[in-house]
Amino acid sequence: MPKDVPWHGRTVYTGVYKHTVSGPRMVRRLNIDGDGQGDLGGHGGEQRAVLVYQLDSYRFWAKQLGRDDLGPGQFGENFTVDGLPDDEVCIGDRYRIGEALFEVTQPRVTCYRVGLRMREPRMAALLVAHHRPGFYLRVIAEGEVEAGQEIV
């Protein structure tokens, strides 16, 4: 859930601090139960209900940034997946996970909040420059999902 975080002498309300969860979660048209976005003007909504980021990108950033502290949710994503690389996923592609059906809507729109979470101010620009932004999904059919389920 979103929280207040100090940043450059002010407070930022953000939902970028994601972490892994166990058990099923209900995916709804605008969000996943138990999750939230802090800035609804720039994040969330029907076309950006779920953010996806890839394990391969985690490996890339660990090497690129010389870090060994990166774990699922670190980039503010809802789903950390094995596969579905940014350069192969297309807008309009549909995927079923558990009971829910999703459609790719757009690449991630990066903002400073990912840099805040990563403690790397350049991170938003780096995601774009290295073509590893992740992507958003809209929810076509609501349903329960759980970590480890196959993406079809």
C-alpha atoms as a PDB file:
ATOM      1  CA  MET A   1       0.000   0.000   0.000  1.00  0.00           C
ATOM      2  CA  PRO A   2       1.190   3.551  -0.574  1.00  0.00           C
ATOM      3  CA  LYS A   3       3.094   5.313   2.165  1.00  0.00           C
ATOM      4  CA  ASP A   4       4.787   8.618   2.916  1.00  0.00           C
ATOM      5  CA  VAL A   5       8.535   8.630   2.269  1.00  0.00           C
ATOM      6  CA  PRO A   6      10.992  11.485   2.900  1.00  0.00           C
ATOM      7  CA  TRP A   7      12.741  12.707  -0.256  1.00  0.00           C
ATOM      8  CA  HIS A   8      14.832  15.837  -0.811  1.00  0.00           C
ATOM      9  CA  GLY A   9      13.384  17.636   2.188  1.00  0.00           C
ATOM     10  CA  ARG A  10       9.764  16.841   1.438  1.00  0.00           C
ATOM     11  CA  THR A  11       7.372  13.925   1.774  1.00  0.00           C
ATOM     12  CA  VAL A  12       6.352  11.804  -1.210  1.00  0.00           C
ATOM     13  CA  TYR A  13       3.269   9.580  -1.114  1.00  0.00           C
ATOM     14  CA  THR A  14       4.199   6.490  -3.141  1.00  0.00           C
ATOM     15  CA  GLY A  15       3.211   2.897  -3.790  1.00  0.00           C
ATOM     16  CA  VAL A  16       6.605   1.940  -5.275  1.00  0.00           C
ATOM     17  CA  TYR A  17       7.576  -0.055  -2.164  1.00  0.00           C
ATOM     18  CA  LYS A  18       6.226  -3.441  -3.245  1.00  0.00           C
ATOM     19  CA  HIS A  19       7.109  -6.789  -1.686  1.00  0.00           C
ATOM     20  CA  THR A  20       6.294 -10.428  -2.324  1.00  0.00           C
ATOM     21  CA  VAL A  21       3.088 -11.861  -0.938  1.00  0.00           C
ATOM     22  CA  SER A  22       1.944 -15.423  -0.386  1.00  0.00           C
ATOM     23  CA  GLY A  23      -1.410 -16.896  -1.195  1.00  0.00           C
ATOM     24  CA  PRO A  24      -3.972 -15.888  -3.798  1.00  0.00           C
ATOM     25  CA  ARG A  25      -4.853 -12.258  -4.509  1.00  0.00           C
ATOM     26  CA  MET A  26      -7.913 -10.975  -6.313  1.00  0.00           C
ATOM     27  CA  VAL A  27      -7.133  -8.938  -9.426  1.00  0.00           C
ATOM     28  CA  ARG A  28      -9.748  -6.318 -10.150  1.00  0.00           C
ATOM     29  CA  ARG A  29     -10.257  -3.902 -13.045  1.00  0.00           C
ATOM     30  CA  LEU A  30      -8.204  -1.117 -11.425  1.00  0.00           C
ATOM     31  CA  ASN A  31      -5.815  -2.950  -9.119  1.00  0.00           C
ATOM     32  CA  ILE A  32      -4.866  -6.009  -7.116  1.00  0.00           C
ATOM     33  CA  ASP A  33      -6.449  -6.363  -3.687  1.00  0.00           C
ATOM     34  CA  GLY A  34      -3.989  -5.175  -1.045  1.00  0.00           C
ATOM     35  CA  ASP A  35      -2.060  -2.912  -3.432  1.00  0.00           C
ATOM     36  CA  GLY A  36      -2.296   0.745  -4.332  1.00  0.00           C
ATOM     37  CA  GLN A  37      -0.657   3.634  -6.155  1.00  0.00           C
ATOM     38  CA  GLY A  38       0.320   6.884  -4.503  1.00  0.00           C
ATOM     39  CA  ASP A  39       0.038   9.126  -7.565  1.00  0.00           C
ATOM     40  CA  LEU A  40      -3.082   8.204  -9.515  1.00  0.00           C
ATOM     41  CA  GLY A  41      -2.373  10.959 -12.021  1.00  0.00           C
ATOM     42  CA  GLY A  42       0.702   9.146 -13.285  1.00  0.00           C
ATOM     43  CA  HIS A  43       0.112   5.536 -12.228  1.00  0.00           C
ATOM     44  CA  GLY A  44      -2.713   3.054 -12.086  1.00  0.00           C
ATOM     45  CA  GLY A  45      -6.103   3.348 -13.718  1.00  0.00           C
ATOM     46  CA  GLU A  46      -7.736   0.952 -16.111  1.00  0.00           C
ATOM     47  CA  GLN A  47      -4.906   1.027 -18.681  1.00  0.00           C
ATOM     48  CA  ARG A  48      -2.147   0.660 -16.048  1.00  0.00           C
ATOM     49  CA  ALA A  49      -3.755  -1.627 -13.468  1.00  0.00           C
ATOM     50  CA  VAL A  50      -0.784  -4.022 -13.222  1.00  0.00           C
ATOM     51  CA  LEU A  51       2.946  -3.439 -13.750  1.00  0.00           C
ATOM     52  CA  VAL A  52       5.148  -6.306 -14.948  1.00  0.00           C
ATOM     53  CA  TYR A  53       8.946  -6.541 -14.626  1.00  0.00           C
ATOM     54  CA  GLN A  54      11.264  -9.349 -15.683  1.00  0.00           C
ATOM     55  CA  LEU A  55      13.792 -11.443 -13.759  1.00  0.00           C
ATOM     56  CA  ASP A  56      16.233 -11.055 -16.661  1.00  0.00           C
ATOM     57  CA  SER A  57      16.157  -7.289 -16.113  1.00  0.00           C
ATOM     58  CA  TYR A  58      16.877  -7.860 -12.418  1.00  0.00           C
ATOM     59  CA  ARG A  59      20.001  -9.817 -13.399  1.00  0.00           C
ATOM     60  CA  PHE A  60      20.982  -7.062 -15.836  1.00  0.00           C
ATOM     61  CA  TRP A  61      20.619  -4.304 -13.210  1.00  0.00           C
ATOM     62  CA  ALA A  62      22.413  -6.295 -10.521  1.00  0.00           C
ATOM     63  CA  LYS A  63      25.425  -6.537 -12.837  1.00  0.00           C
ATOM     64  CA  GLN A  64      25.105  -3.009 -14.279  1.00  0.00           C
ATOM     65  CA  LEU A  65      24.754  -1.341 -10.875  1.00  0.00           C
ATOM     66  CA  GLY A  66      27.004  -3.741  -8.962  1.00  0.00           C
ATOM     67  CA  ARG A  67      24.208  -4.647  -6.537  1.00  0.00           C
ATOM     68  CA  ASP A  68      23.290  -7.841  -4.781  1.00  0.00           C
ATOM     69  CA  ASP A  69      20.286  -6.482  -2.849  1.00  0.00           C
ATOM     70  CA  LEU A  70      17.635  -6.523  -5.587  1.00  0.00           C
ATOM     71  CA  GLY A  71      14.513  -8.589  -4.992  1.00  0.00           C
ATOM     72  CA  PRO A  72      10.996  -8.927  -6.402  1.00  0.00           C
ATOM     73  CA  GLY A  73       9.018  -5.709  -6.198  1.00  0.00           C
ATOM     74  CA  GLN A  74      12.155  -3.544  -6.128  1.00  0.00           C
ATOM     75  CA  PHE A  75      11.132  -1.801  -9.345  1.00  0.00           C
ATOM     76  CA  GLY A  76       7.600  -1.190  -8.089  1.00  0.00           C
ATOM     77  CA  GLU A  77       6.105  -3.973 -10.166  1.00  0.00           C
ATOM     78  CA  ASN A  78       3.105  -6.097  -9.253  1.00  0.00           C
ATOM     79  CA  PHE A  79       4.302  -9.175 -11.135  1.00  0.00           C
ATOM     80  CA  THR A  80       7.943 -10.227 -11.343  1.00  0.00           C
ATOM     81  CA  VAL A  81       8.088 -12.719 -14.214  1.00  0.00           C
ATOM     82  CA  ASP A  82      10.518 -15.100 -15.854  1.00  0.00           C
ATOM     83  CA  GLY A  83      10.278 -14.340 -19.557  1.00  0.00           C
ATOM     84  CA  LEU A  84       8.135 -11.791 -21.414  1.00  0.00           C
ATOM     85  CA  PRO A  85      11.058  -9.511 -22.361  1.00  0.00           C
ATOM     86  CA  ASP A  86      10.223  -5.895 -23.185  1.00  0.00           C
ATOM     87  CA  ASP A  87      11.474  -6.238 -26.762  1.00  0.00           C
ATOM     88  CA  GLU A  88       9.173  -9.214 -27.490  1.00  0.00           C
ATOM     89  CA  VAL A  89       5.935  -8.206 -25.759  1.00  0.00           C
ATOM     90  CA  CYS A  90       3.532  -6.207 -27.924  1.00  0.00           C
ATOM     91  CA  ILE A  91       0.659  -3.894 -27.099  1.00  0.00           C
ATOM     92  CA  GLY A  92      -2.500  -5.985 -27.391  1.00  0.00           C
ATOM     93  CA  ASP A  93      -0.882  -9.276 -26.345  1.00  0.00           C
ATOM     94  CA  ARG A  94      -3.120 -11.161 -23.914  1.00  0.00           C
ATOM     95  CA  TYR A  95      -2.033 -13.407 -21.069  1.00  0.00           C
ATOM     96  CA  ARG A  96      -3.937 -15.557 -18.597  1.00  0.00           C
ATOM     97  CA  ILE A  97      -2.551 -15.952 -15.103  1.00  0.00           C
ATOM     98  CA  GLY A  98      -4.673 -18.003 -12.744  1.00  0.00           C
ATOM     99  CA  GLU A  99      -8.286 -16.944 -13.199  1.00  0.00           C
ATOM    100  CA  ALA A 100      -7.478 -13.476 -14.565  1.00  0.00           C
ATOM    101  CA  LEU A 101      -7.001 -12.367 -18.161  1.00  0.00           C
ATOM    102  CA  PHE A 102      -4.735  -9.407 -18.974  1.00  0.00           C
ATOM    103  CA  GLU A 103      -3.835  -7.300 -22.022  1.00  0.00           C
ATOM    104  CA  VAL A 104      -0.584  -5.401 -22.576  1.00  0.00           C
ATOM    105  CA  THR A 105      -1.375  -1.683 -22.912  1.00  0.00           C
ATOM    106  CA  GLN A 106       1.920   0.229 -22.928  1.00  0.00           C
ATOM    107  CA  PRO A 107       5.540   0.287 -21.802  1.00  0.00           C
ATOM    108  CA  ARG A 108       6.095   1.532 -18.280  1.00  0.00           C
ATOM    109  CA  VAL A 109       6.108   5.281 -17.917  1.00  0.00           C
ATOM    110  CA  THR A 110       9.061   5.830 -15.626  1.00  0.00           C
ATOM    111  CA  CYS A 111       9.219   8.481 -12.941  1.00  0.00           C
ATOM    112  CA  TYR A 112      11.561   9.508 -10.168  1.00  0.00           C
ATOM    113  CA  ARG A 113       9.864   7.196  -7.646  1.00  0.00           C
ATOM    114  CA  VAL A 114      11.677   4.109  -8.959  1.00  0.00           C
ATOM    115  CA  GLY A 115      14.947   5.990  -8.352  1.00  0.00           C
ATOM    116  CA  LEU A 116      13.755   6.835  -4.858  1.00  0.00           C
ATOM    117  CA  ARG A 117      13.122   3.150  -4.126  1.00  0.00           C
ATOM    118  CA  MET A 118      16.398   2.043  -5.712  1.00  0.00           C
ATOM    119  CA  ARG A 119      18.405   4.849  -4.090  1.00  0.00           C
ATOM    120  CA  GLU A 120      19.630   5.640  -7.625  1.00  0.00           C
ATOM    121  CA  PRO A 121      18.469   9.056  -8.876  1.00  0.00           C
ATOM    122  CA  ARG A 122      19.245   8.193 -12.524  1.00  0.00           C
ATOM    123  CA  MET A 123      17.133   5.026 -12.491  1.00  0.00           C
ATOM    124  CA  ALA A 124      14.118   6.334 -14.428  1.00  0.00           C
ATOM    125  CA  ALA A 125      16.374   7.510 -17.270  1.00  0.00           C
ATOM    126  CA  LEU A 126      18.433   4.306 -17.134  1.00  0.00           C
ATOM    127  CA  LEU A 127      15.326   2.119 -17.544  1.00  0.00           C
ATOM    128  CA  VAL A 128      14.510   3.960 -20.774  1.00  0.00           C
ATOM    129  CA  ALA A 129      18.095   4.204 -22.054  1.00  0.00           C
ATOM    130  CA  HIS A 130      18.654   0.456 -21.632  1.00  0.00           C
ATOM    131  CA  HIS A 131      15.223  -0.468 -23.051  1.00  0.00           C
ATOM    132  CA  ARG A 132      14.137  -2.219 -19.843  1.00  0.00           C
ATOM    133  CA  PRO A 133      11.103  -0.284 -18.602  1.00  0.00           C
ATOM    134  CA  GLY A 134       8.696  -3.179 -18.030  1.00  0.00           C
ATOM    135  CA  PHE A 135       5.091  -2.864 -19.160  1.00  0.00           C
ATOM    136  CA  TYR A 136       1.539  -2.306 -18.009  1.00  0.00           C
ATOM    137  CA  LEU A 137      -1.470  -4.586 -18.231  1.00  0.00           C
ATOM    138  CA  ARG A 138      -5.149  -3.888 -18.148  1.00  0.00           C
ATOM    139  CA  VAL A 139      -7.485  -6.450 -16.634  1.00  0.00           C
ATOM    140  CA  ILE A 140      -9.811  -8.027 -19.203  1.00  0.00           C
ATOM    141  CA  ALA A 141     -11.308 -10.590 -16.795  1.00  0.00           C
ATOM    142  CA  GLU A 142     -11.017 -10.292 -13.022  1.00  0.00           C
ATOM    143  CA  GLY A 143      -9.942 -13.309 -10.984  1.00  0.00           C
ATOM    144  CA  GLU A 144      -7.552 -14.707  -8.414  1.00  0.00           C
ATOM    145  CA  VAL A 145      -3.840 -15.026  -9.136  1.00  0.00           C
ATOM    146  CA  GLU A 146      -1.005 -16.466  -7.084  1.00  0.00           C
ATOM    147  CA  ALA A 147       2.767 -16.383  -7.324  1.00  0.00           C
ATOM    148  CA  GLY A 148       4.195 -19.259  -9.329  1.00  0.00           C
ATOM    149  CA  GLN A 149       1.214 -19.705 -11.634  1.00  0.00           C
ATOM    150  CA  GLU A 150       1.885 -20.290 -15.313  1.00  0.00           C
ATOM    151  CA  ILE A 151       1.530 -17.379 -17.738  1.00  0.00           C
ATOM    152  CA  VAL A 152      -0.427 -18.598 -20.772  1.00  0.00           C
END
